[in-house]
Amino acid sequence: MLTRTATADLFAQASEAAAALPTPFDDLAAVIETHRPRIYRFLLASLRDADLAETLTQETFLRAWSSRSSFRGDCAVTTWLTRIALNLIRDHTRTHRFRFWRKISAQSIDADEIAAFLPHRDSAVDCRLIATEQVGILWQAVSTLSDRQRTIFLLRFVEEMELSEIVAATGIPLSTVKSHLYRALTHIRERHSKLSRKTV
């Protein structure tokens, strides 16, 4: 039987061995180069503020670096970084009483700027809504979603994350993610149709 001292020594040795293993964050510059565009794109689409998105993008990687020892590899690096970005958005919301896109009805939408950050791959029929000439109309429809529905919609159709990745990033159960996604798509289709008719 192992004594307490021997057991403690084994845990210490295991911890040291785990710490010595290479991690994705050993080369921070490479991590930033690979994942920064996606994190910035998500923050920009969520916050509608380029300066704030840039600030929180930097903060995302600072937090990732400072807490890199907590990354266990049980999810993709992108998923882990997205989770950090979501927490920063929530922190900002609580601190500044910020509501997603509260200025959208008062500000003009730079469709070209937003479209430049959207994936070009047409991976689904619903993604065809996300085209340069439709961005303004689509974004007005998306702005009327609840915070949670909007986040899930952006992660699924802008960031093209799998449902399992969204669950890992948000901590929301899969059934709830599916429900919010269905409601969001139904709402957006209806709003998009109405807004499109108004512009004709």
C-alpha atoms as a PDB file:
ATOM      1  CA  MET A   1       0.000   0.000   0.000  1.00  0.00           C
ATOM      2  CA  LEU A   2       1.292   3.441  -0.897  1.00  0.00           C
ATOM      3  CA  THR A   3       1.855   5.863   1.939  1.00  0.00           C
ATOM      4  CA  ARG A   4       0.506   9.404   1.774  1.00  0.00           C
ATOM      5  CA  THR A   5       3.996  10.666   1.064  1.00  0.00           C
ATOM      6  CA  ALA A   6       4.504   8.185  -1.771  1.00  0.00           C
ATOM      7  CA  THR A   7       1.098   9.033  -3.240  1.00  0.00           C
ATOM      8  CA  ALA A   8       1.878  12.743  -3.072  1.00  0.00           C
ATOM      9  CA  ASP A   9       5.200  12.114  -4.797  1.00  0.00           C
ATOM     10  CA  LEU A  10       3.460  10.221  -7.595  1.00  0.00           C
ATOM     11  CA  PHE A  11       0.984  13.056  -8.126  1.00  0.00           C
ATOM     12  CA  ALA A  12       3.825  15.560  -8.148  1.00  0.00           C
ATOM     13  CA  GLN A  13       5.740  13.520 -10.712  1.00  0.00           C
ATOM     14  CA  ALA A  14       2.640  13.149 -12.873  1.00  0.00           C
ATOM     15  CA  SER A  15       2.014  16.896 -12.721  1.00  0.00           C
ATOM     16  CA  GLU A  16       5.597  17.642 -13.691  1.00  0.00           C
ATOM     17  CA  ALA A  17       5.389  15.196 -16.586  1.00  0.00           C
ATOM     18  CA  ALA A  18       2.135  16.747 -17.800  1.00  0.00           C
ATOM     19  CA  ALA A  19       3.627  20.229 -17.566  1.00  0.00           C
ATOM     20  CA  ALA A  20       6.575  19.106 -19.668  1.00  0.00           C
ATOM     21  CA  LEU A  21       4.345  17.935 -22.522  1.00  0.00           C
ATOM     22  CA  PRO A  22       4.128  20.263 -25.526  1.00  0.00           C
ATOM     23  CA  THR A  23       0.941  22.348 -25.776  1.00  0.00           C
ATOM     24  CA  PRO A  24      -0.583  24.360 -28.631  1.00  0.00           C
ATOM     25  CA  PHE A  25       0.379  27.522 -26.747  1.00  0.00           C
ATOM     26  CA  ASP A  26       4.115  26.881 -26.751  1.00  0.00           C
ATOM     27  CA  ASP A  27       4.202  28.950 -29.948  1.00  0.00           C
ATOM     28  CA  LEU A  28       1.862  31.820 -29.094  1.00  0.00           C
ATOM     29  CA  ALA A  29       2.647  33.709 -32.294  1.00  0.00           C
ATOM     30  CA  ALA A  30       1.473  30.750 -34.361  1.00  0.00           C
ATOM     31  CA  VAL A  31      -1.715  30.435 -32.308  1.00  0.00           C
ATOM     32  CA  ILE A  32      -2.504  34.119 -32.814  1.00  0.00           C
ATOM     33  CA  GLU A  33      -1.759  33.977 -36.532  1.00  0.00           C
ATOM     34  CA  THR A  34      -3.984  30.934 -36.975  1.00  0.00           C
ATOM     35  CA  HIS A  35      -6.957  31.855 -34.803  1.00  0.00           C
ATOM     36  CA  ARG A  36      -7.000  35.662 -34.573  1.00  0.00           C
ATOM     37  CA  PRO A  37      -9.055  36.284 -37.773  1.00  0.00           C
ATOM     38  CA  ARG A  38     -11.812  33.951 -36.625  1.00  0.00           C
ATOM     39  CA  ILE A  39     -11.987  35.316 -33.083  1.00  0.00           C
ATOM     40  CA  TYR A  40     -11.990  38.921 -34.320  1.00  0.00           C
ATOM     41  CA  ARG A  41     -14.680  38.121 -36.900  1.00  0.00           C
ATOM     42  CA  PHE A  42     -16.907  36.594 -34.231  1.00  0.00           C
ATOM     43  CA  LEU A  43     -16.414  39.520 -31.836  1.00  0.00           C
ATOM     44  CA  LEU A  44     -17.030  42.068 -34.594  1.00  0.00           C
ATOM     45  CA  ALA A  45     -20.229  40.335 -35.674  1.00  0.00           C
ATOM     46  CA  SER A  46     -21.398  40.084 -32.054  1.00  0.00           C
ATOM     47  CA  LEU A  47     -20.490  43.579 -30.870  1.00  0.00           C
ATOM     48  CA  ARG A  48     -20.802  45.690 -34.041  1.00  0.00           C
ATOM     49  CA  ASP A  49     -17.891  47.806 -32.809  1.00  0.00           C
ATOM     50  CA  ALA A  50     -14.538  47.386 -34.560  1.00  0.00           C
ATOM     51  CA  ASP A  51     -12.465  49.057 -31.831  1.00  0.00           C
ATOM     52  CA  LEU A  52     -14.079  47.023 -29.069  1.00  0.00           C
ATOM     53  CA  ALA A  53     -13.754  43.831 -31.116  1.00  0.00           C
ATOM     54  CA  GLU A  54     -10.040  44.515 -31.567  1.00  0.00           C
ATOM     55  CA  THR A  55      -9.586  45.181 -27.850  1.00  0.00           C
ATOM     56  CA  LEU A  56     -11.414  42.023 -26.805  1.00  0.00           C
ATOM     57  CA  THR A  57      -9.547  39.980 -29.413  1.00  0.00           C
ATOM     58  CA  GLN A  58      -6.275  41.003 -27.797  1.00  0.00           C
ATOM     59  CA  GLU A  59      -7.718  40.291 -24.360  1.00  0.00           C
ATOM     60  CA  THR A  60      -8.861  36.852 -25.523  1.00  0.00           C
ATOM     61  CA  PHE A  61      -5.303  35.836 -26.363  1.00  0.00           C
ATOM     62  CA  LEU A  62      -3.899  37.428 -23.217  1.00  0.00           C
ATOM     63  CA  ARG A  63      -6.316  35.405 -21.107  1.00  0.00           C
ATOM     64  CA  ALA A  64      -5.606  32.281 -23.120  1.00  0.00           C
ATOM     65  CA  TRP A  65      -1.887  32.703 -22.521  1.00  0.00           C
ATOM     66  CA  SER A  66      -2.233  33.442 -18.814  1.00  0.00           C
ATOM     67  CA  SER A  67      -4.501  30.415 -18.299  1.00  0.00           C
ATOM     68  CA  ARG A  68      -2.827  28.106 -20.823  1.00  0.00           C
ATOM     69  CA  SER A  69      -2.071  25.564 -18.097  1.00  0.00           C
ATOM     70  CA  SER A  70      -5.825  24.939 -17.774  1.00  0.00           C
ATOM     71  CA  PHE A  71      -6.132  23.868 -21.415  1.00  0.00           C
ATOM     72  CA  ARG A  72      -6.511  20.085 -21.234  1.00  0.00           C
ATOM     73  CA  GLY A  73      -6.905  19.344 -24.906  1.00  0.00           C
ATOM     74  CA  ASP A  74     -10.439  17.987 -24.460  1.00  0.00           C
ATOM     75  CA  CYS A  75     -11.681  20.441 -27.095  1.00  0.00           C
ATOM     76  CA  ALA A  76     -10.236  22.242 -30.095  1.00  0.00           C
ATOM     77  CA  VAL A  77      -8.128  25.354 -29.522  1.00  0.00           C
ATOM     78  CA  THR A  78     -10.663  27.378 -31.519  1.00  0.00           C
ATOM     79  CA  THR A  79     -13.472  26.173 -29.259  1.00  0.00           C
ATOM     80  CA  TRP A  80     -11.500  27.090 -26.141  1.00  0.00           C
ATOM     81  CA  LEU A  81     -10.663  30.555 -27.498  1.00  0.00           C
ATOM     82  CA  THR A  82     -14.297  31.113 -28.489  1.00  0.00           C
ATOM     83  CA  ARG A  83     -15.353  30.234 -24.949  1.00  0.00           C
ATOM     84  CA  ILE A  84     -12.951  32.878 -23.617  1.00  0.00           C
ATOM     85  CA  ALA A  85     -14.288  35.426 -26.116  1.00  0.00           C
ATOM     86  CA  LEU A  86     -17.867  34.670 -25.051  1.00  0.00           C
ATOM     87  CA  ASN A  87     -16.933  35.189 -21.409  1.00  0.00           C
ATOM     88  CA  LEU A  88     -15.371  38.544 -22.301  1.00  0.00           C
ATOM     89  CA  ILE A  89     -18.571  39.591 -24.067  1.00  0.00           C
ATOM     90  CA  ARG A  90     -20.567  38.623 -20.981  1.00  0.00           C
ATOM     91  CA  ASP A  91     -18.157  40.504 -18.719  1.00  0.00           C
ATOM     92  CA  HIS A  92     -18.490  43.572 -20.907  1.00  0.00           C
ATOM     93  CA  THR A  93     -22.274  43.258 -20.855  1.00  0.00           C
ATOM     94  CA  ARG A  94     -22.371  43.129 -17.067  1.00  0.00           C
ATOM     95  CA  THR A  95     -19.815  45.885 -16.573  1.00  0.00           C
ATOM     96  CA  HIS A  96     -21.125  48.406 -19.069  1.00  0.00           C
ATOM     97  CA  ARG A  97     -24.762  47.311 -19.300  1.00  0.00           C
ATOM     98  CA  PHE A  98     -24.087  46.730 -22.959  1.00  0.00           C
ATOM     99  CA  ARG A  99     -26.833  45.232 -25.088  1.00  0.00           C
ATOM    100  CA  PHE A 100     -25.907  43.446 -28.302  1.00  0.00           C
ATOM    101  CA  TRP A 101     -26.262  45.827 -31.262  1.00  0.00           C
ATOM    102  CA  ARG A 102     -28.291  48.381 -29.304  1.00  0.00           C
ATOM    103  CA  LYS A 103     -27.373  51.017 -31.870  1.00  0.00           C
ATOM    104  CA  ILE A 104     -28.327  49.020 -34.932  1.00  0.00           C
ATOM    105  CA  SER A 105     -31.505  50.974 -35.629  1.00  0.00           C
ATOM    106  CA  ALA A 106     -29.654  54.295 -35.406  1.00  0.00           C
ATOM    107  CA  GLN A 107     -26.492  53.428 -37.323  1.00  0.00           C
ATOM    108  CA  SER A 108     -25.915  52.580 -40.943  1.00  0.00           C
ATOM    109  CA  ILE A 109     -24.498  49.123 -41.597  1.00  0.00           C
ATOM    110  CA  ASP A 110     -21.256  48.847 -43.522  1.00  0.00           C
ATOM    111  CA  ALA A 111     -22.205  45.724 -45.446  1.00  0.00           C
ATOM    112  CA  ASP A 112     -18.908  45.515 -47.323  1.00  0.00           C
ATOM    113  CA  GLU A 113     -16.882  45.667 -44.097  1.00  0.00           C
ATOM    114  CA  ILE A 114     -18.890  42.915 -42.451  1.00  0.00           C
ATOM    115  CA  ALA A 115     -19.036  40.783 -45.592  1.00  0.00           C
ATOM    116  CA  ALA A 116     -15.248  40.885 -45.846  1.00  0.00           C
ATOM    117  CA  PHE A 117     -15.033  38.901 -42.616  1.00  0.00           C
ATOM    118  CA  LEU A 118     -17.573  36.255 -43.606  1.00  0.00           C
ATOM    119  CA  PRO A 119     -16.470  32.832 -44.846  1.00  0.00           C
ATOM    120  CA  HIS A 120     -16.694  32.573 -48.621  1.00  0.00           C
ATOM    121  CA  ARG A 121     -17.646  28.906 -48.627  1.00  0.00           C
ATOM    122  CA  ASP A 122     -21.329  28.312 -49.365  1.00  0.00           C
ATOM    123  CA  SER A 123     -21.794  25.315 -47.064  1.00  0.00           C
ATOM    124  CA  ALA A 124     -25.578  25.326 -46.709  1.00  0.00           C
ATOM    125  CA  VAL A 125     -28.703  26.750 -48.259  1.00  0.00           C
ATOM    126  CA  ASP A 126     -29.230  29.022 -45.271  1.00  0.00           C
ATOM    127  CA  CYS A 127     -25.707  30.412 -45.681  1.00  0.00           C
ATOM    128  CA  ARG A 128     -26.722  31.837 -49.047  1.00  0.00           C
ATOM    129  CA  LEU A 129     -28.477  34.565 -47.095  1.00  0.00           C
ATOM    130  CA  ILE A 130     -25.036  35.675 -46.010  1.00  0.00           C
ATOM    131  CA  ALA A 131     -23.917  37.314 -49.244  1.00  0.00           C
ATOM    132  CA  THR A 132     -22.562  40.826 -49.630  1.00  0.00           C
ATOM    133  CA  GLU A 133     -25.722  42.334 -51.132  1.00  0.00           C
ATOM    134  CA  GLN A 134     -27.851  40.748 -48.398  1.00  0.00           C
ATOM    135  CA  VAL A 135     -25.746  41.528 -45.338  1.00  0.00           C
ATOM    136  CA  GLY A 136     -27.560  44.739 -44.402  1.00  0.00           C
ATOM    137  CA  ILE A 137     -30.992  43.128 -44.541  1.00  0.00           C
ATOM    138  CA  LEU A 138     -29.822  39.959 -42.828  1.00  0.00           C
ATOM    139  CA  TRP A 139     -28.107  41.838 -40.021  1.00  0.00           C
ATOM    140  CA  GLN A 140     -31.250  43.816 -39.272  1.00  0.00           C
ATOM    141  CA  ALA A 141     -33.109  40.516 -38.928  1.00  0.00           C
ATOM    142  CA  VAL A 142     -30.384  38.967 -36.761  1.00  0.00           C
ATOM    143  CA  SER A 143     -30.376  42.034 -34.501  1.00  0.00           C
ATOM    144  CA  THR A 144     -33.910  41.225 -33.343  1.00  0.00           C
ATOM    145  CA  LEU A 145     -32.922  37.801 -31.983  1.00  0.00           C
ATOM    146  CA  SER A 146     -32.382  37.203 -28.293  1.00  0.00           C
ATOM    147  CA  ASP A 147     -28.762  37.347 -27.111  1.00  0.00           C
ATOM    148  CA  ARG A 148     -28.509  33.566 -26.858  1.00  0.00           C
ATOM    149  CA  GLN A 149     -30.161  32.882 -30.217  1.00  0.00           C
ATOM    150  CA  ARG A 150     -27.934  35.463 -31.895  1.00  0.00           C
ATOM    151  CA  THR A 151     -24.777  33.950 -30.403  1.00  0.00           C
ATOM    152  CA  ILE A 152     -25.718  30.443 -31.528  1.00  0.00           C
ATOM    153  CA  PHE A 153     -26.654  31.678 -35.007  1.00  0.00           C
ATOM    154  CA  LEU A 154     -23.326  33.478 -35.415  1.00  0.00           C
ATOM    155  CA  LEU A 155     -21.322  30.493 -34.220  1.00  0.00           C
ATOM    156  CA  ARG A 156     -23.174  28.108 -36.533  1.00  0.00           C
ATOM    157  CA  PHE A 157     -23.518  30.097 -39.747  1.00  0.00           C
ATOM    158  CA  VAL A 158     -20.802  32.753 -39.570  1.00  0.00           C
ATOM    159  CA  GLU A 159     -18.115  30.720 -37.813  1.00  0.00           C
ATOM    160  CA  GLU A 160     -19.449  27.452 -39.269  1.00  0.00           C
ATOM    161  CA  MET A 161     -18.926  25.612 -35.989  1.00  0.00           C
ATOM    162  CA  GLU A 162     -20.358  22.137 -35.526  1.00  0.00           C
ATOM    163  CA  LEU A 163     -23.152  21.771 -32.973  1.00  0.00           C
ATOM    164  CA  SER A 164     -20.814  19.837 -30.687  1.00  0.00           C
ATOM    165  CA  GLU A 165     -18.329  22.733 -30.829  1.00  0.00           C
ATOM    166  CA  ILE A 166     -21.067  25.226 -29.953  1.00  0.00           C
ATOM    167  CA  VAL A 167     -22.030  23.090 -26.958  1.00  0.00           C
ATOM    168  CA  ALA A 168     -18.403  22.997 -25.816  1.00  0.00           C
ATOM    169  CA  ALA A 169     -17.908  26.739 -26.321  1.00  0.00           C
ATOM    170  CA  THR A 170     -21.122  27.936 -24.687  1.00  0.00           C
ATOM    171  CA  GLY A 171     -21.889  25.224 -22.152  1.00  0.00           C
ATOM    172  CA  ILE A 172     -25.468  25.104 -23.460  1.00  0.00           C
ATOM    173  CA  PRO A 173     -27.014  21.600 -23.769  1.00  0.00           C
ATOM    174  CA  LEU A 174     -27.271  20.213 -27.306  1.00  0.00           C
ATOM    175  CA  SER A 175     -31.073  20.029 -27.251  1.00  0.00           C
ATOM    176  CA  THR A 176     -31.242  23.696 -26.227  1.00  0.00           C
ATOM    177  CA  VAL A 177     -28.754  24.694 -28.924  1.00  0.00           C
ATOM    178  CA  LYS A 178     -30.878  22.931 -31.552  1.00  0.00           C
ATOM    179  CA  SER A 179     -34.051  24.563 -30.250  1.00  0.00           C
ATOM    180  CA  HIS A 180     -32.547  28.064 -30.259  1.00  0.00           C
ATOM    181  CA  LEU A 181     -31.066  27.514 -33.706  1.00  0.00           C
ATOM    182  CA  TYR A 182     -34.416  26.391 -35.133  1.00  0.00           C
ATOM    183  CA  ARG A 183     -36.208  29.394 -33.623  1.00  0.00           C
ATOM    184  CA  ALA A 184     -33.505  31.762 -34.824  1.00  0.00           C
ATOM    185  CA  LEU A 185     -33.659  30.459 -38.397  1.00  0.00           C
ATOM    186  CA  THR A 186     -37.453  30.585 -38.451  1.00  0.00           C
ATOM    187  CA  HIS A 187     -37.432  34.154 -37.153  1.00  0.00           C
ATOM    188  CA  ILE A 188     -34.694  35.287 -39.542  1.00  0.00           C
ATOM    189  CA  ARG A 189     -36.432  33.784 -42.579  1.00  0.00           C
ATOM    190  CA  GLU A 190     -39.639  35.634 -41.695  1.00  0.00           C
ATOM    191  CA  ARG A 191     -37.895  38.935 -40.956  1.00  0.00           C
ATOM    192  CA  HIS A 192     -35.642  38.625 -43.992  1.00  0.00           C
ATOM    193  CA  SER A 193     -38.650  38.071 -46.232  1.00  0.00           C
ATOM    194  CA  LYS A 194     -40.471  41.116 -44.843  1.00  0.00           C
ATOM    195  CA  LEU A 195     -37.426  43.391 -45.031  1.00  0.00           C
ATOM    196  CA  SER A 196     -36.626  42.220 -48.561  1.00  0.00           C
ATOM    197  CA  ARG A 197     -40.138  43.093 -49.729  1.00  0.00           C
ATOM    198  CA  LYS A 198     -39.785  46.573 -48.242  1.00  0.00           C
ATOM    199  CA  THR A 199     -36.615  47.232 -50.239  1.00  0.00           C
ATOM    200  CA  VAL A 200     -38.136  46.184 -53.563  1.00  0.00           C
END
